[in-house]
Amino acid sequence: MGHDVGRRAIVLGGSMAGLLAARVLAESFDEVLVVDRDELTGVTVPRRGAPQGRHVHGLLARGQQILEELFPSFTAGAIAAGIPTGDLGELRWFFGSGRLQPATTGLICVSATRPVLESHVRARVAALPNVTLVEQTDIVGITTSRDATHVTGARIHRRGADGPEELEAELVIDATGRGSRTPVWLEELGYERPAEDSVKINVSYTSRIYRLRDESAMNGDLSINPVAVPEAPRGAFLSRIEDGKVAVSLYGVLGDRAPIDPEGFLEFAKSLRVPDIHDVLQEADPLTDPVVYRYLASIRRRYERLARFPGGFLVLGDAACSFNPLYGQGMTVAAIEAITLRDHLASGAPDAAVFHRAIAKVIDVCWDMAVSGDLGYPAVEGVRTAKIRIGNAYLGKLHAAATRDGELTRRFMRVAGLVDPPTAIMRPSTMLRVFRNANAGAPATPPPAAGGEDVPGARAA
């Protein structure tokens, strides 16, 4: 590793986006500090700073590939630690027209809870000799040059200290998530706040962890995923996780929500358009009480459009764009942004404007996927272009066709996993298979129960 960019870099926020940024910064800086208000070392339970950590999470296939690249043998280590894995295409996926035919994709799902997955990444990052976790520390703000054209460090307040202190750095990265204060900091420094795009979806998760009384209840599957669609706007993810447990998240959109009382929770599961999850829960013992997480709207901050931005400062992860969690894109987009950061560091200190334009291209693809899916619900506010209307109609046909054709499942999952571009499912050979199978009726023989994972939703590929 070469240390040829600077002496110190500071990452604000110790979640997945911050940890992966720290990993690539460690190749180019003598010292990397990761600052977070929570306790981090050895933590494998949900943190205050990650309130969605109690719910089923998805690391898409491209995210798993990047973790393997940044941390060699990461997946093998996860398996050795008891984390279940499986093939993305061999899972029990239900979309509008029924269960997708299972297909081997070669894409790996790492089925762990968010806190456990994060703890494995954190341990690998903390083991780097030039990375320090500055935990239980509040982030007060950033420091700048006298003319405010360059960020020179961060102002922090360690828990128990008499007062705040200033840390100098050549590069500061905001990875503090959806609650990022960068727009406020920019305004205080005389810059414009970034424009924001927003799509209101009002999703609510209600989640619980169980232990199966009988392993056969899952029929050998890793997870069961009836995905919400406009004609059936309730969905769920039920996944095997570490230590022989299963996690289930029941969700509704546009204000619908699964109750937290045990009877109401099971009734909501029973109301799903397939009985699979309710049947499993009937044969399982709850280990936790139901907990709720509400997500009102996807928000994208358009830093790439700002005419002025201070040097030595970058924004990534949910601080730049917070996606509807139903599509499971957040951690994987953060991983792709980390790889983008590494590419920019190879040429020296990254230029903020150039970097923000580069990650905007990454965000564009996933934002369009998620927004198109959300606008499939008539009650969601937004402009439905011809591209969105035609794309959603085609995707519905693809899902119908994939209930008969496992090859379409394979191609769709490669796009949903962010391995292939969305144009891959629009190629003539794929479209021919879609239209050949879409109107053929229900599958002649129901597919065998197999597969499963915790990757939330791929509806809007």
Protein backbone atom coordinates (compact mmCIF):
# COMPACT_ATOMS: atom_id res chain seq x y z
CA MET A 1 0.00 0.00 0.00
CA GLY A 2 1.24 3.47 -0.79
CA HIS A 3 0.71 6.47 1.49
CA ASP A 4 1.06 9.20 -1.12
CA VAL A 5 -2.07 11.33 -0.76
CA GLY A 6 -1.88 12.76 2.74
CA ARG A 7 -1.02 12.31 6.38
CA ARG A 8 -4.52 11.95 7.80
CA ALA A 9 -8.07 11.35 6.60
CA ILE A 10 -11.16 11.52 8.80
CA VAL A 11 -14.36 9.58 8.16
CA LEU A 12 -17.44 10.91 9.92
CA GLY A 13 -19.70 7.93 10.63
CA GLY A 14 -18.80 4.32 11.37
CA SER A 15 -21.55 2.47 9.53
CA MET A 16 -20.97 0.38 6.39
CA ALA A 17 -20.37 3.38 4.12
CA GLY A 18 -17.85 4.87 6.55
CA LEU A 19 -16.07 1.57 7.18
CA LEU A 20 -15.66 0.83 3.48
CA ALA A 21 -14.44 4.38 2.83
CA ALA A 22 -11.90 3.93 5.63
CA ARG A 23 -10.72 0.67 4.07
CA VAL A 24 -9.79 2.34 0.78
CA LEU A 25 -8.43 5.49 2.45
CA ALA A 26 -6.00 3.30 4.41
CA GLU A 27 -4.21 2.57 1.13
CA SER A 28 -3.39 6.26 0.58
CA PHE A 29 -3.13 7.97 3.98
CA ASP A 30 -0.75 7.45 6.87
CA GLU A 31 -3.62 7.61 9.35
CA VAL A 32 -7.39 7.18 9.04
CA LEU A 33 -9.77 8.08 11.88
CA VAL A 34 -13.36 6.81 11.90
CA VAL A 35 -15.50 8.95 14.23
CA ASP A 36 -18.87 7.73 15.50
CA ARG A 37 -21.10 8.54 18.46
CA ASP A 38 -21.82 4.87 19.22
CA GLU A 39 -19.71 2.21 20.85
CA LEU A 40 -18.26 0.15 17.99
CA THR A 41 -15.63 -2.30 19.19
CA GLY A 42 -17.02 -5.81 19.60
CA VAL A 43 -20.63 -4.69 19.08
CA THR A 44 -22.88 -7.25 17.34
CA VAL A 45 -26.27 -5.83 18.37
CA PRO A 46 -28.25 -2.95 16.82
CA ARG A 47 -26.73 0.48 17.43
CA ARG A 48 -28.52 3.73 18.16
CA GLY A 49 -26.93 5.23 15.04
CA ALA A 50 -28.41 2.49 12.83
CA PRO A 51 -32.08 2.27 13.91
CA GLN A 52 -32.90 0.02 10.95
CA GLY A 53 -30.41 -2.56 12.26
CA ARG A 54 -33.16 -4.66 13.87
CA HIS A 55 -34.70 -5.43 10.50
CA VAL A 56 -33.87 -7.81 7.66
CA HIS A 57 -31.14 -6.33 5.49
CA GLY A 58 -29.86 -7.15 2.04
CA LEU A 59 -26.32 -7.13 0.77
CA LEU A 60 -26.79 -7.40 -2.97
CA ALA A 61 -24.53 -9.61 -5.06
CA ARG A 62 -22.29 -6.77 -6.24
CA GLY A 63 -21.83 -5.70 -2.63
CA GLN A 64 -20.68 -9.21 -1.68
CA GLN A 65 -18.22 -9.20 -4.56
CA ILE A 66 -16.74 -5.87 -3.43
CA LEU A 67 -16.41 -7.06 0.18
CA GLU A 68 -14.54 -10.08 -1.12
CA GLU A 69 -12.26 -7.79 -3.14
CA LEU A 70 -11.54 -5.42 -0.26
CA PHE A 71 -11.29 -8.16 2.37
CA PRO A 72 -9.98 -11.39 0.79
CA SER A 73 -11.72 -14.53 2.11
CA PHE A 74 -14.45 -12.42 3.71
CA THR A 75 -17.20 -14.83 2.65
CA ALA A 76 -15.27 -17.88 3.83
CA GLY A 77 -14.79 -16.17 7.18
CA ALA A 78 -18.50 -15.42 7.41
CA ILE A 79 -19.35 -19.04 6.68
CA ALA A 80 -16.84 -20.24 9.26
CA ALA A 81 -18.53 -17.94 11.78
CA GLY A 82 -21.86 -19.64 11.16
CA ILE A 83 -23.45 -17.13 8.80
CA PRO A 84 -25.71 -18.88 6.25
CA THR A 85 -25.08 -18.30 2.55
CA GLY A 86 -26.85 -19.32 -0.64
CA ASP A 87 -27.33 -18.61 -4.33
CA LEU A 88 -29.41 -15.55 -5.12
CA GLY A 89 -31.41 -17.27 -7.83
CA GLU A 90 -32.21 -20.40 -5.81
CA LEU A 91 -34.37 -18.56 -3.33
CA ARG A 92 -38.08 -18.57 -2.72
CA TRP A 93 -38.99 -15.32 -4.51
CA PHE A 94 -42.62 -14.34 -5.08
CA PHE A 95 -43.59 -11.43 -7.30
CA GLY A 96 -46.96 -10.50 -8.74
CA SER A 97 -47.51 -13.64 -10.78
CA GLY A 98 -46.23 -16.27 -8.38
CA ARG A 99 -42.96 -17.89 -7.47
CA LEU A 100 -39.99 -17.35 -9.76
CA GLN A 101 -38.48 -20.55 -11.07
CA PRO A 102 -35.24 -21.19 -9.14
CA ALA A 103 -32.03 -20.81 -11.14
CA THR A 104 -28.34 -21.03 -10.29
CA THR A 105 -26.69 -17.63 -10.77
CA GLY A 106 -23.33 -18.04 -9.03
CA LEU A 107 -24.18 -14.91 -7.02
CA ILE A 108 -23.72 -15.34 -3.30
CA CYS A 109 -26.05 -14.12 -0.58
CA VAL A 110 -24.50 -13.59 2.87
CA SER A 111 -27.52 -13.96 5.15
CA ALA A 112 -26.57 -12.14 8.34
CA THR A 113 -28.29 -9.48 10.40
CA ARG A 114 -27.05 -5.97 9.72
CA PRO A 115 -25.22 -5.65 13.09
CA VAL A 116 -23.40 -8.96 12.62
CA LEU A 117 -22.43 -8.24 9.02
CA GLU A 118 -21.25 -4.78 10.03
CA SER A 119 -19.23 -6.24 12.91
CA HIS A 120 -17.32 -8.54 10.52
CA VAL A 121 -16.49 -5.61 8.24
CA ARG A 122 -15.58 -3.44 11.24
CA ALA A 123 -13.21 -6.07 12.60
CA ARG A 124 -11.36 -6.26 9.29
CA VAL A 125 -11.10 -2.47 9.05
CA ALA A 126 -10.03 -2.03 12.68
CA ALA A 127 -7.27 -4.60 12.13
CA LEU A 128 -5.58 -2.28 9.62
CA PRO A 129 -2.57 -0.74 11.39
CA ASN A 130 -3.28 2.82 10.26
CA VAL A 131 -7.02 2.90 11.05
CA THR A 132 -8.37 4.03 14.45
CA LEU A 133 -11.99 3.88 15.56
CA VAL A 134 -12.81 7.04 17.52
CA GLU A 135 -15.98 5.77 19.16
CA GLN A 136 -18.48 7.24 21.65
CA THR A 137 -17.65 10.61 20.17
CA ASP A 138 -20.06 13.29 18.95
CA ILE A 139 -19.41 15.05 15.66
CA VAL A 140 -19.72 18.78 16.27
CA GLY A 141 -18.81 20.05 12.81
CA ILE A 142 -16.07 20.60 10.26
CA THR A 143 -13.21 23.09 10.31
CA THR A 144 -12.12 25.09 7.29
CA SER A 145 -9.48 27.44 6.00
CA ARG A 146 -9.98 31.13 6.77
CA ASP A 147 -11.66 31.75 3.41
CA ALA A 148 -13.80 28.59 3.80
CA THR A 149 -12.62 27.20 0.46
CA HIS A 150 -11.08 24.09 1.98
CA VAL A 151 -12.05 21.75 4.80
CA THR A 152 -9.14 21.28 7.18
CA GLY A 153 -10.54 18.80 9.69
CA ALA A 154 -13.36 18.06 12.09
CA ARG A 155 -14.53 19.28 15.47
CA ILE A 156 -15.44 16.42 17.81
CA HIS A 157 -16.47 15.91 21.43
CA ARG A 158 -15.39 12.66 23.07
CA ARG A 159 -17.87 11.33 25.60
CA GLY A 160 -16.67 12.36 29.09
CA ALA A 161 -14.24 15.01 27.83
CA ASP A 162 -14.43 18.57 29.16
CA GLY A 163 -15.15 20.04 25.76
CA PRO A 164 -14.76 19.70 22.00
CA GLU A 165 -11.44 19.32 20.21
CA GLU A 166 -10.28 19.85 16.65
CA LEU A 167 -8.66 17.17 14.51
CA GLU A 168 -6.71 18.21 11.44
CA ALA A 169 -6.92 16.25 8.21
CA GLU A 170 -6.18 16.59 4.51
CA LEU A 171 -9.47 14.87 3.64
CA VAL A 172 -12.78 14.60 5.50
CA ILE A 173 -15.60 12.31 4.36
CA ASP A 174 -19.21 12.62 5.50
CA ALA A 175 -20.67 9.12 5.86
CA THR A 176 -23.07 10.03 8.67
CA GLY A 177 -26.11 8.75 6.80
CA ARG A 178 -29.55 10.13 6.15
CA GLY A 179 -29.26 12.63 9.03
CA SER A 180 -26.15 14.26 7.55
CA ARG A 181 -25.62 17.89 8.54
CA THR A 182 -23.53 18.76 5.50
CA PRO A 183 -26.33 20.87 3.92
CA VAL A 184 -26.44 22.96 7.12
CA TRP A 185 -22.64 23.23 7.32
CA LEU A 186 -22.46 24.39 3.69
CA GLU A 187 -25.07 27.07 4.29
CA GLU A 188 -23.25 28.30 7.40
CA LEU A 189 -20.07 28.61 5.33
CA GLY A 190 -21.78 30.67 2.63
CA TYR A 191 -22.36 27.88 0.12
CA GLU A 192 -25.63 26.75 -1.41
CA ARG A 193 -27.45 23.77 0.03
CA PRO A 194 -27.80 20.94 -2.46
CA ALA A 195 -31.12 20.49 -4.20
CA GLU A 196 -33.04 17.43 -3.00
CA ASP A 197 -35.13 14.90 -4.88
CA SER A 198 -37.70 13.04 -2.81
CA VAL A 199 -40.18 10.22 -3.38
CA LYS A 200 -42.66 9.56 -0.57
CA ILE A 201 -43.37 5.86 -0.10
CA ASN A 202 -44.11 5.65 3.67
CA VAL A 203 -42.83 2.12 4.23
CA SER A 204 -43.10 0.48 7.65
CA TYR A 205 -41.22 -2.64 8.72
CA THR A 206 -42.28 -4.71 11.70
CA SER A 207 -39.64 -7.30 12.54
CA ARG A 208 -39.07 -10.20 14.89
CA ILE A 209 -36.53 -12.98 15.42
CA TYR A 210 -37.59 -16.60 15.86
CA ARG A 211 -36.09 -20.02 16.38
CA LEU A 212 -37.53 -22.89 14.36
CA ARG A 213 -38.81 -25.88 16.24
CA ASP A 214 -38.29 -28.03 13.16
CA GLU A 215 -35.72 -27.23 10.47
CA SER A 216 -37.93 -28.89 7.86
CA ALA A 217 -40.34 -25.95 8.14
CA MET A 218 -38.12 -24.04 5.68
CA ASN A 219 -37.79 -26.98 3.26
CA GLY A 220 -34.07 -26.30 3.09
CA ASP A 221 -34.53 -22.72 1.89
CA LEU A 222 -32.40 -19.82 3.00
CA SER A 223 -35.26 -17.34 2.85
CA ILE A 224 -38.81 -16.70 1.68
CA ASN A 225 -39.52 -13.37 0.00
CA PRO A 226 -43.02 -12.40 -1.13
CA VAL A 227 -42.27 -8.96 -2.57
CA ALA A 228 -44.94 -6.24 -2.46
CA VAL A 229 -46.30 -5.11 -5.80
CA PRO A 230 -49.04 -2.53 -6.56
CA GLU A 231 -51.76 -5.16 -6.82
CA ALA A 232 -50.60 -6.77 -3.53
CA PRO A 233 -48.93 -3.98 -1.52
CA ARG A 234 -47.93 -6.05 1.49
CA GLY A 235 -44.70 -8.03 1.58
CA ALA A 236 -42.18 -9.73 3.80
CA PHE A 237 -38.66 -11.13 4.04
CA LEU A 238 -37.99 -14.18 6.16
CA SER A 239 -34.34 -15.27 6.31
CA ARG A 240 -32.17 -17.75 8.08
CA ILE A 241 -29.54 -15.87 10.03
CA GLU A 242 -26.66 -16.73 12.32
CA ASP A 243 -26.95 -19.07 15.33
CA GLY A 244 -29.75 -21.17 13.84
CA LYS A 245 -32.33 -18.38 14.01
CA VAL A 246 -34.62 -16.78 11.45
CA ALA A 247 -35.49 -13.12 11.10
CA VAL A 248 -38.74 -11.88 9.59
CA SER A 249 -39.70 -8.38 8.50
CA LEU A 250 -43.32 -7.78 7.52
CA TYR A 251 -43.89 -4.54 5.66
CA GLY A 252 -46.54 -2.36 4.16
CA VAL A 253 -46.35 0.70 1.93
CA LEU A 254 -48.22 4.00 1.89
CA GLY A 255 -48.92 3.93 5.62
CA ASP A 256 -49.88 0.27 5.96
CA ARG A 257 -48.09 -1.42 8.87
CA ALA A 258 -47.96 -4.79 10.57
CA PRO A 259 -49.09 -4.59 14.23
CA ILE A 260 -46.63 -5.17 17.07
CA ASP A 261 -48.93 -7.36 19.15
CA PRO A 262 -48.20 -11.08 18.53
CA GLU A 263 -51.68 -11.90 17.28
CA GLY A 264 -51.81 -8.93 14.93
CA PHE A 265 -48.30 -9.73 13.68
CA LEU A 266 -49.36 -13.26 12.71
CA GLU A 267 -52.60 -12.02 11.16
CA PHE A 268 -50.62 -9.65 8.94
CA ALA A 269 -48.38 -12.56 7.88
CA LYS A 270 -51.52 -14.54 7.10
CA SER A 271 -52.81 -11.69 4.91
CA LEU A 272 -49.87 -12.00 2.49
CA ARG A 273 -50.82 -13.43 -0.87
CA VAL A 274 -48.86 -16.63 -0.21
CA PRO A 275 -49.10 -18.63 3.05
CA ASP A 276 -45.43 -19.63 3.18
CA ILE A 277 -44.24 -17.20 5.85
CA HIS A 278 -47.29 -17.65 8.07
CA ASP A 279 -46.81 -21.42 7.88
CA VAL A 280 -43.17 -21.13 9.03
CA LEU A 281 -44.01 -18.77 11.89
CA GLN A 282 -46.63 -21.21 13.14
CA GLU A 283 -43.79 -23.69 13.70
CA ALA A 284 -41.35 -21.23 15.35
CA ASP A 285 -40.80 -19.71 18.79
CA PRO A 286 -40.34 -15.92 19.03
CA LEU A 287 -37.09 -14.75 20.63
CA THR A 288 -37.76 -10.99 20.48
CA ASP A 289 -40.74 -8.67 20.59
CA PRO A 290 -41.84 -7.09 17.30
CA VAL A 291 -40.16 -3.75 16.56
CA VAL A 292 -41.15 -1.11 13.99
CA TYR A 293 -39.04 0.97 11.62
CA ARG A 294 -40.73 3.62 9.50
CA TYR A 295 -39.22 5.04 6.31
CA LEU A 296 -41.14 8.00 4.91
CA ALA A 297 -39.31 8.93 1.72
CA SER A 298 -36.28 8.29 -0.44
CA ILE A 299 -34.06 11.38 -0.49
CA ARG A 300 -31.30 12.24 -2.94
CA ARG A 301 -29.05 15.26 -2.34
CA ARG A 302 -27.66 16.63 -5.58
CA TYR A 303 -24.10 17.54 -4.62
CA GLU A 304 -22.97 16.94 -8.19
CA ARG A 305 -24.99 19.96 -9.31
CA LEU A 306 -23.43 22.51 -6.93
CA ALA A 307 -21.33 25.19 -8.61
CA ARG A 308 -19.12 25.57 -5.51
CA PHE A 309 -18.03 23.05 -2.90
CA PRO A 310 -15.13 23.20 -0.41
CA GLY A 311 -12.03 21.19 -1.23
CA GLY A 312 -10.86 18.33 0.97
CA PHE A 313 -14.43 17.23 1.69
CA LEU A 314 -16.59 14.46 0.17
CA VAL A 315 -20.06 13.05 0.84
CA LEU A 316 -21.11 9.45 0.20
CA GLY A 317 -23.47 6.68 1.32
CA ASP A 318 -26.89 7.58 2.68
CA ALA A 319 -25.61 11.11 3.31
CA ALA A 320 -25.73 11.54 -0.48
CA CYS A 321 -28.71 9.32 -1.26
CA SER A 322 -31.05 7.33 0.97
CA PHE A 323 -32.94 4.65 -0.98
CA ASN A 324 -36.25 2.95 -0.25
CA PRO A 325 -34.98 -0.02 1.81
CA LEU A 326 -37.31 -2.45 0.04
CA TYR A 327 -34.80 -2.64 -2.80
CA GLY A 328 -31.84 -3.47 -0.57
CA GLN A 329 -29.51 -1.10 -2.42
CA GLY A 330 -27.98 1.04 0.33
CA MET A 331 -25.01 -1.05 1.47
CA THR A 332 -24.14 -2.13 -2.06
CA VAL A 333 -24.22 1.43 -3.42
CA ALA A 334 -21.93 2.45 -0.55
CA ALA A 335 -19.55 -0.36 -1.55
CA ILE A 336 -19.52 0.77 -5.19
CA GLU A 337 -18.87 4.35 -4.05
CA ALA A 338 -15.92 3.11 -1.98
CA ILE A 339 -14.43 1.50 -5.09
CA THR A 340 -15.01 4.78 -6.94
CA LEU A 341 -13.17 6.62 -4.15
CA ARG A 342 -10.23 4.23 -4.47
CA ASP A 343 -10.05 4.90 -8.20
CA HIS A 344 -9.94 8.66 -7.58
CA LEU A 345 -7.30 8.32 -4.86
CA ALA A 346 -5.04 6.55 -7.35
CA SER A 347 -4.54 9.94 -9.03
CA GLY A 348 -3.94 11.86 -5.81
CA ALA A 349 -6.22 13.97 -3.66
CA PRO A 350 -9.76 13.61 -5.06
CA ASP A 351 -11.51 16.65 -6.50
CA ALA A 352 -14.89 17.02 -4.80
CA ALA A 353 -16.81 18.08 -7.90
CA VAL A 354 -15.36 15.28 -10.03
CA PHE A 355 -15.97 12.67 -7.31
CA HIS A 356 -19.57 13.73 -6.69
CA ARG A 357 -20.30 13.57 -10.42
CA ALA A 358 -18.76 10.10 -10.54
CA ILE A 359 -20.87 8.66 -7.73
CA ALA A 360 -23.93 10.41 -9.19
CA LYS A 361 -23.65 8.01 -12.13
CA VAL A 362 -23.70 5.09 -9.68
CA ILE A 363 -26.68 6.56 -7.85
CA ASP A 364 -28.53 7.30 -11.10
CA VAL A 365 -28.92 3.62 -11.95
CA CYS A 366 -30.24 2.58 -8.54
CA TRP A 367 -32.34 5.69 -8.05
CA ASP A 368 -34.10 5.09 -11.36
CA MET A 369 -34.71 1.45 -10.43
CA ALA A 370 -36.19 2.29 -7.04
CA VAL A 371 -38.20 5.32 -8.15
CA SER A 372 -39.67 3.42 -11.11
CA GLY A 373 -40.78 0.67 -8.76
CA ASP A 374 -42.30 3.13 -6.28
CA LEU A 375 -44.18 4.96 -9.03
CA GLY A 376 -45.83 1.67 -9.92
CA TYR A 377 -48.10 2.39 -6.92
CA PRO A 378 -50.80 4.80 -8.16
CA ALA A 379 -50.92 6.70 -4.85
CA VAL A 380 -47.20 7.60 -4.92
CA GLU A 381 -46.67 11.18 -6.09
CA GLY A 382 -44.34 11.71 -9.02
CA VAL A 383 -44.05 12.06 -12.79
CA ARG A 384 -44.63 8.80 -14.64
CA THR A 385 -42.75 9.17 -17.87
CA ALA A 386 -43.36 6.88 -20.82
CA LYS A 387 -40.07 5.16 -19.95
CA ILE A 388 -41.31 4.38 -16.42
CA ARG A 389 -44.74 3.18 -17.57
CA ILE A 390 -43.34 0.94 -20.29
CA GLY A 391 -40.55 -0.32 -18.03
CA ASN A 392 -42.93 -1.29 -15.23
CA ALA A 393 -45.27 -3.03 -17.67
CA TYR A 394 -42.37 -4.97 -19.16
CA LEU A 395 -41.07 -5.91 -15.74
CA GLY A 396 -44.44 -7.32 -14.80
CA LYS A 397 -44.30 -9.52 -17.90
CA LEU A 398 -40.76 -10.57 -17.03
CA HIS A 399 -41.85 -11.66 -13.55
CA ALA A 400 -44.75 -13.60 -15.04
CA ALA A 401 -42.45 -15.26 -17.55
CA ALA A 402 -39.86 -16.08 -14.89
CA THR A 403 -42.40 -18.24 -13.08
CA ARG A 404 -41.96 -20.61 -16.05
CA ASP A 405 -38.40 -19.89 -17.19
CA GLY A 406 -35.50 -20.13 -14.73
CA GLU A 407 -33.13 -18.52 -17.21
CA LEU A 408 -35.14 -15.32 -16.90
CA THR A 409 -34.85 -15.59 -13.13
CA ARG A 410 -31.08 -15.82 -13.52
CA ARG A 411 -30.87 -12.79 -15.81
CA PHE A 412 -33.21 -10.74 -13.65
CA MET A 413 -31.29 -11.52 -10.45
CA ARG A 414 -28.01 -10.46 -12.03
CA VAL A 415 -29.57 -7.06 -12.74
CA ALA A 416 -31.31 -6.86 -9.36
CA GLY A 417 -28.00 -7.73 -7.68
CA LEU A 418 -26.32 -4.78 -9.51
CA VAL A 419 -23.93 -7.14 -11.29
CA ASP A 420 -25.36 -6.52 -14.76
CA PRO A 421 -26.80 -3.20 -16.01
CA PRO A 422 -30.58 -2.81 -16.40
CA THR A 423 -30.16 -2.90 -20.17
CA ALA A 424 -29.24 -6.59 -19.85
CA ILE A 425 -32.89 -7.60 -19.44
CA MET A 426 -33.85 -5.53 -22.49
CA ARG A 427 -31.70 -7.46 -24.94
CA PRO A 428 -33.62 -9.04 -27.83
CA SER A 429 -32.91 -12.61 -26.69
CA THR A 430 -34.30 -11.85 -23.22
CA MET A 431 -37.33 -9.97 -24.54
CA LEU A 432 -38.15 -12.92 -26.80
CA ARG A 433 -38.11 -15.28 -23.80
CA VAL A 434 -40.25 -12.85 -21.81
CA PHE A 435 -42.99 -12.50 -24.42
CA ARG A 436 -42.88 -16.20 -25.21
CA ASN A 437 -43.53 -17.15 -21.57
CA ALA A 438 -45.39 -14.21 -20.05
CA ASN A 439 -48.81 -15.06 -21.45
CA ALA A 440 -48.48 -18.82 -21.26
CA GLY A 441 -50.50 -19.04 -18.03
CA ALA A 442 -49.44 -20.49 -14.70
CA PRO A 443 -46.42 -22.82 -14.58
CA ALA A 444 -47.36 -26.29 -15.73
CA THR A 445 -45.67 -27.78 -12.68
CA PRO A 446 -45.17 -25.70 -9.51
CA PRO A 447 -41.44 -25.26 -8.83
CA PRO A 448 -40.00 -27.19 -5.90
CA ALA A 449 -39.49 -25.26 -2.66
CA ALA A 450 -35.85 -24.22 -2.61
CA GLY A 451 -33.54 -21.31 -1.98
CA GLY A 452 -33.92 -18.06 -0.06
CA GLU A 453 -31.99 -15.02 1.13
CA ASP A 454 -32.24 -11.72 2.90
CA VAL A 455 -31.80 -9.46 -0.09
CA PRO A 456 -34.80 -7.13 0.08
CA GLY A 457 -36.50 -6.57 -3.15
CA ALA A 458 -35.46 -6.32 -6.75
CA ARG A 459 -38.74 -5.19 -8.20
CA ALA A 460 -37.58 -2.15 -10.12
CA ALA A 461 -34.65 -3.56 -12.11
